[in-house]
Amino acid sequence: KEKKNNRQYPNAPPAVVELMDLNSLESVRNFAKTYTGPVDVLVNNAATLGSGELRRTGDGFEECLQVNYLSGFLLTSLLLDRVEQSAAGRIVHVSAKAHEWANISVQAMVSEKVLGPDFVSRQGMMGNLGGSYADSKLDSAMVKFLQEQVLQRIGRVVGFMQTKEDAPKTQVHVATHPALQKAGGRYYSPIYPPLVGCGKAAEDCAVSEVSDAALDVSLQEDLFKATCTVLALQDGLCARGASE
């Protein structure tokens, strides 16, 4: 695979792999400290479907909540200055259509470190697609708030059970296409059908609708503030939000 990429892109720098465990907030913070290079594009793509049982990380949070949402929020906040130092810095968060089935409780996130108010009863839904996985993917509720109130340039993309060749196309398209440089605060999805991902042309990747909950401004603000609270963050994204 690496040899093939070298033939196709002979001038590309070699890939460097760094370790970061999203189950550990300390690991995320350590990565942000030790990685000193530029950040032209940040794609928060890692996720876990969860097991349908209540699994907590070493930080005490439900696994999907931390891996799919909190760690990405923390990493974005810690690397924000370096993204903005890039001439064309761009941030992409990967969500999922499953966010439409979510039912989150900001109070539960703060007091119980889970996102759903009825966590136990919903964990078996569709292999957890309708449980904590869906709840964690409703972090897309923050998109409009972050774009308008904090960053002015943040994107949201979605890829759902595609092949390993097709799945990254939407993310790569949104992260690199010149036409989308200032198209922040939007939710992009491949054109359906079929699930083939976004192509090179801007018209091959469509802006899609999100759930009503994701557009709830009050929920966006409450979730943003609660996230800053549970992560004990006062700088980065949280400092920007507090100043608005």
Protein backbone atom coordinates (compact mmCIF):
# COMPACT_ATOMS: atom_id res chain seq x y z
CA LYS A 1 0.00 0.00 0.00
CA GLU A 2 2.77 2.44 0.93
CA LYS A 3 4.74 1.60 -2.23
CA LYS A 4 1.63 2.21 -4.35
CA ASN A 5 1.09 5.61 -2.72
CA ASN A 6 4.73 6.50 -3.31
CA ARG A 7 4.33 5.76 -7.02
CA GLN A 8 1.16 7.82 -7.29
CA TYR A 9 2.44 10.73 -5.19
CA PRO A 10 6.25 10.70 -5.46
CA ASN A 11 6.63 14.16 -3.93
CA ALA A 12 4.49 13.45 -0.87
CA PRO A 13 6.30 13.35 2.49
CA PRO A 14 6.45 9.96 4.23
CA ALA A 15 3.56 9.06 6.50
CA VAL A 16 4.24 9.32 10.22
CA VAL A 17 2.09 7.38 12.67
CA GLU A 18 1.65 8.65 16.22
CA LEU A 19 -0.10 6.84 19.07
CA MET A 20 -3.14 8.37 20.74
CA ASP A 21 -5.67 6.45 22.85
CA LEU A 22 -9.07 8.16 22.74
CA ASN A 23 -10.12 6.13 25.78
CA SER A 24 -7.69 8.28 27.75
CA LEU A 25 -7.96 12.06 27.99
CA GLU A 26 -4.40 12.09 29.29
CA SER A 27 -3.25 10.38 26.10
CA VAL A 28 -5.00 13.05 24.02
CA ARG A 29 -3.34 15.82 26.03
CA ASN A 30 0.06 14.14 25.78
CA PHE A 31 -0.29 13.86 22.00
CA ALA A 32 -1.09 17.56 21.71
CA LYS A 33 2.00 18.37 23.78
CA THR A 34 4.44 16.06 22.02
CA TYR A 35 3.29 16.66 18.44
CA THR A 36 4.95 19.91 17.43
CA GLY A 37 4.36 19.90 13.68
CA PRO A 38 1.90 21.99 11.69
CA VAL A 39 -1.80 21.13 11.51
CA ASP A 40 -3.21 21.99 8.10
CA VAL A 41 -6.21 19.67 8.36
CA LEU A 42 -7.64 18.01 11.47
CA VAL A 43 -10.08 15.15 10.78
CA ASN A 44 -11.76 13.70 13.87
CA ASN A 45 -12.71 10.36 12.35
CA ALA A 46 -12.07 7.71 15.02
CA ALA A 47 -15.13 6.11 16.61
CA THR A 48 -16.39 3.02 18.38
CA LEU A 49 -19.82 1.44 17.98
CA GLY A 50 -19.88 0.26 21.57
CA SER A 51 -20.95 -3.12 22.90
CA GLY A 52 -24.48 -2.36 24.07
CA GLU A 53 -23.28 -2.58 27.67
CA LEU A 54 -22.19 0.24 29.93
CA ARG A 55 -18.43 0.40 29.54
CA ARG A 56 -16.56 3.23 31.17
CA THR A 57 -13.14 4.56 30.30
CA GLY A 58 -10.43 5.19 32.85
CA ASP A 59 -11.72 8.76 33.04
CA GLY A 60 -15.14 7.45 34.09
CA PHE A 61 -17.08 8.38 30.95
CA GLU A 62 -19.22 5.99 28.92
CA GLU A 63 -17.00 4.66 26.14
CA CYS A 64 -18.90 6.03 23.11
CA LEU A 65 -19.29 9.42 24.74
CA GLN A 66 -15.55 9.78 25.28
CA VAL A 67 -14.14 8.09 22.16
CA ASN A 68 -16.66 9.48 19.66
CA TYR A 69 -17.09 12.95 21.10
CA LEU A 70 -15.19 14.20 24.13
CA SER A 71 -11.70 13.21 22.96
CA GLY A 72 -12.26 14.81 19.56
CA PHE A 73 -13.53 18.00 21.19
CA LEU A 74 -10.50 18.05 23.48
CA LEU A 75 -8.05 17.42 20.64
CA THR A 76 -9.64 20.14 18.52
CA SER A 77 -9.39 22.60 21.39
CA LEU A 78 -5.74 21.76 22.10
CA LEU A 79 -4.71 22.02 18.42
CA LEU A 80 -6.92 24.97 17.52
CA ASP A 81 -4.15 27.59 17.52
CA ARG A 82 -2.01 25.51 15.17
CA VAL A 83 -4.91 24.92 12.79
CA GLU A 84 -5.51 28.65 12.63
CA GLN A 85 -1.83 29.28 11.96
CA SER A 86 -2.15 27.31 8.74
CA ALA A 87 -2.93 29.35 5.64
CA ALA A 88 -5.82 27.04 4.80
CA GLY A 89 -6.51 25.30 8.12
CA ARG A 90 -9.57 23.12 8.15
CA ILE A 91 -11.35 20.98 10.77
CA VAL A 92 -13.61 18.07 9.85
CA HIS A 93 -15.71 16.11 12.35
CA VAL A 94 -17.16 12.78 11.24
CA SER A 95 -20.71 12.09 12.36
CA ALA A 96 -23.21 9.45 11.24
CA LYS A 97 -26.80 9.18 10.08
CA ALA A 98 -27.43 7.40 13.38
CA HIS A 99 -27.41 10.83 15.07
CA GLU A 100 -31.06 11.07 13.97
CA TRP A 101 -31.97 8.37 16.53
CA ALA A 102 -30.25 10.07 19.44
CA ASN A 103 -31.84 11.18 22.68
CA ILE A 104 -29.27 13.02 24.74
CA SER A 105 -29.34 14.58 28.18
CA VAL A 106 -26.78 17.25 28.99
CA GLN A 107 -27.56 16.78 32.67
CA ALA A 108 -26.78 13.05 32.41
CA MET A 109 -23.45 13.84 30.76
CA VAL A 110 -22.45 16.06 33.67
CA SER A 111 -23.83 14.02 36.57
CA GLU A 112 -23.56 10.43 35.30
CA LYS A 113 -20.96 10.75 32.49
CA VAL A 114 -23.33 9.22 29.93
CA LEU A 115 -25.22 11.04 27.16
CA GLY A 116 -28.60 9.31 27.23
CA PRO A 117 -31.23 9.83 29.94
CA ASP A 118 -32.41 6.22 29.47
CA PHE A 119 -29.02 4.65 28.83
CA VAL A 120 -29.67 1.07 29.94
CA SER A 121 -32.96 0.53 28.06
CA ARG A 122 -31.60 1.81 24.73
CA GLN A 123 -28.26 0.01 24.52
CA GLY A 124 -29.49 -3.00 22.56
CA MET A 125 -31.18 -0.96 19.84
CA MET A 126 -29.92 -2.01 16.39
CA GLY A 127 -26.62 -3.26 17.77
CA ASN A 128 -26.25 -0.02 19.73
CA LEU A 129 -26.73 2.15 16.62
CA GLY A 130 -29.78 3.55 18.40
CA GLY A 131 -28.10 3.68 21.80
CA SER A 132 -24.98 5.43 23.05
CA TYR A 133 -23.44 5.39 19.55
CA ALA A 134 -26.31 7.52 18.23
CA ASP A 135 -26.15 9.77 21.27
CA SER A 136 -22.44 10.37 20.81
CA LYS A 137 -22.99 11.23 17.15
CA LEU A 138 -25.45 13.96 18.07
CA ASP A 139 -22.41 16.03 18.94
CA SER A 140 -23.18 17.38 15.46
CA ALA A 141 -25.66 19.54 17.36
CA MET A 142 -22.61 21.69 18.05
CA VAL A 143 -21.79 22.35 14.41
CA LYS A 144 -23.90 25.41 13.82
CA PHE A 145 -23.05 26.87 17.22
CA LEU A 146 -19.31 26.36 16.79
CA GLN A 147 -19.32 27.64 13.24
CA GLU A 148 -21.25 30.81 13.95
CA GLN A 149 -20.19 31.56 17.50
CA VAL A 150 -16.69 30.18 17.88
CA LEU A 151 -14.66 29.09 14.86
CA GLN A 152 -16.47 30.55 11.85
CA ARG A 153 -15.07 27.59 9.88
CA ILE A 154 -15.87 24.06 10.90
CA GLY A 155 -17.26 21.20 8.82
CA ARG A 156 -19.15 18.04 9.51
CA VAL A 157 -19.02 14.98 7.30
CA VAL A 158 -20.70 11.61 7.40
CA GLY A 159 -19.67 8.18 6.15
CA PHE A 160 -21.72 5.07 7.02
CA MET A 161 -20.70 1.44 6.47
CA GLN A 162 -18.96 1.88 3.15
CA THR A 163 -15.99 -0.01 1.73
CA LYS A 164 -12.55 0.94 2.98
CA GLU A 165 -11.85 2.50 -0.43
CA ASP A 166 -15.07 4.55 -0.58
CA ALA A 167 -15.52 5.47 3.07
CA PRO A 168 -12.78 8.15 3.23
CA LYS A 169 -13.87 9.96 0.06
CA THR A 170 -16.31 12.28 1.80
CA GLN A 171 -13.80 13.19 4.49
CA VAL A 172 -11.01 13.80 1.98
CA HIS A 173 -13.31 15.83 -0.26
CA VAL A 174 -14.49 18.09 2.56
CA ALA A 175 -10.99 18.41 3.99
CA THR A 176 -9.26 19.35 0.74
CA HIS A 177 -11.58 20.73 -1.95
CA PRO A 178 -10.83 24.44 -2.60
CA ALA A 179 -14.51 25.24 -3.13
CA LEU A 180 -15.24 24.30 0.48
CA GLN A 181 -12.52 26.39 2.12
CA LYS A 182 -15.04 28.64 3.90
CA ALA A 183 -18.02 26.30 3.85
CA GLY A 184 -18.05 25.77 7.61
CA GLY A 185 -20.88 24.65 9.84
CA ARG A 186 -22.39 22.29 7.28
CA TYR A 187 -23.20 18.58 7.26
CA TYR A 188 -21.96 16.77 4.15
CA SER A 189 -22.97 13.35 2.93
CA PRO A 190 -22.36 11.30 -0.22
CA ILE A 191 -25.13 11.55 -2.78
CA TYR A 192 -27.58 8.64 -2.38
CA PRO A 193 -27.94 6.12 -3.94
CA PRO A 194 -25.53 4.41 -4.04
CA LEU A 195 -23.17 4.71 -1.10
CA VAL A 196 -20.13 5.49 -3.18
CA GLY A 197 -18.64 8.45 -1.36
CA CYS A 198 -17.87 11.91 -2.68
CA GLY A 199 -15.90 12.31 -5.86
CA LYS A 200 -13.48 15.03 -6.87
CA ALA A 201 -16.13 17.47 -8.05
CA ALA A 202 -17.90 19.64 -5.50
CA GLU A 203 -21.29 18.66 -6.96
CA ASP A 204 -20.59 15.01 -6.12
CA CYS A 205 -20.76 15.75 -2.39
CA ALA A 206 -24.00 17.20 -1.11
CA VAL A 207 -24.92 19.29 1.91
CA SER A 208 -27.38 17.15 3.86
CA GLU A 209 -29.99 17.86 6.48
CA VAL A 210 -29.40 17.08 10.14
CA SER A 211 -31.96 16.20 12.79
CA ASP A 212 -34.05 18.88 14.46
CA ALA A 213 -32.19 18.22 17.71
CA ALA A 214 -28.89 19.04 16.01
CA LEU A 215 -30.29 22.47 15.08
CA ASP A 216 -31.63 23.21 18.56
CA VAL A 217 -29.67 26.34 19.49
CA SER A 218 -30.41 26.00 23.19
CA LEU A 219 -29.21 22.39 23.18
CA GLN A 220 -26.11 23.39 21.22
CA GLU A 221 -25.18 25.98 23.81
CA ASP A 222 -25.96 23.74 26.78
CA LEU A 223 -23.95 20.87 25.30
CA PHE A 224 -21.01 23.15 24.52
CA LYS A 225 -20.91 24.59 28.04
CA ALA A 226 -21.33 21.17 29.67
CA THR A 227 -18.53 19.75 27.52
CA CYS A 228 -16.18 22.49 28.67
CA THR A 229 -17.21 21.73 32.26
CA VAL A 230 -16.66 17.95 32.19
CA LEU A 231 -13.31 18.38 30.40
CA ALA A 232 -12.28 21.19 32.78
CA LEU A 233 -11.34 23.29 29.74
CA GLN A 234 -10.98 27.04 30.01
CA ASP A 235 -8.92 27.76 26.90
CA GLY A 236 -9.08 26.82 23.24
CA LEU A 237 -12.65 26.33 22.06
CA CYS A 238 -14.07 27.02 25.50
CA ALA A 239 -12.33 30.38 25.79
CA ARG A 240 -13.76 31.38 22.41
CA GLY A 241 -17.25 30.32 23.40
CA ALA A 242 -17.10 32.17 26.72
CA SER A 243 -16.07 35.38 24.98
CA GLU A 244 -19.08 35.44 22.66
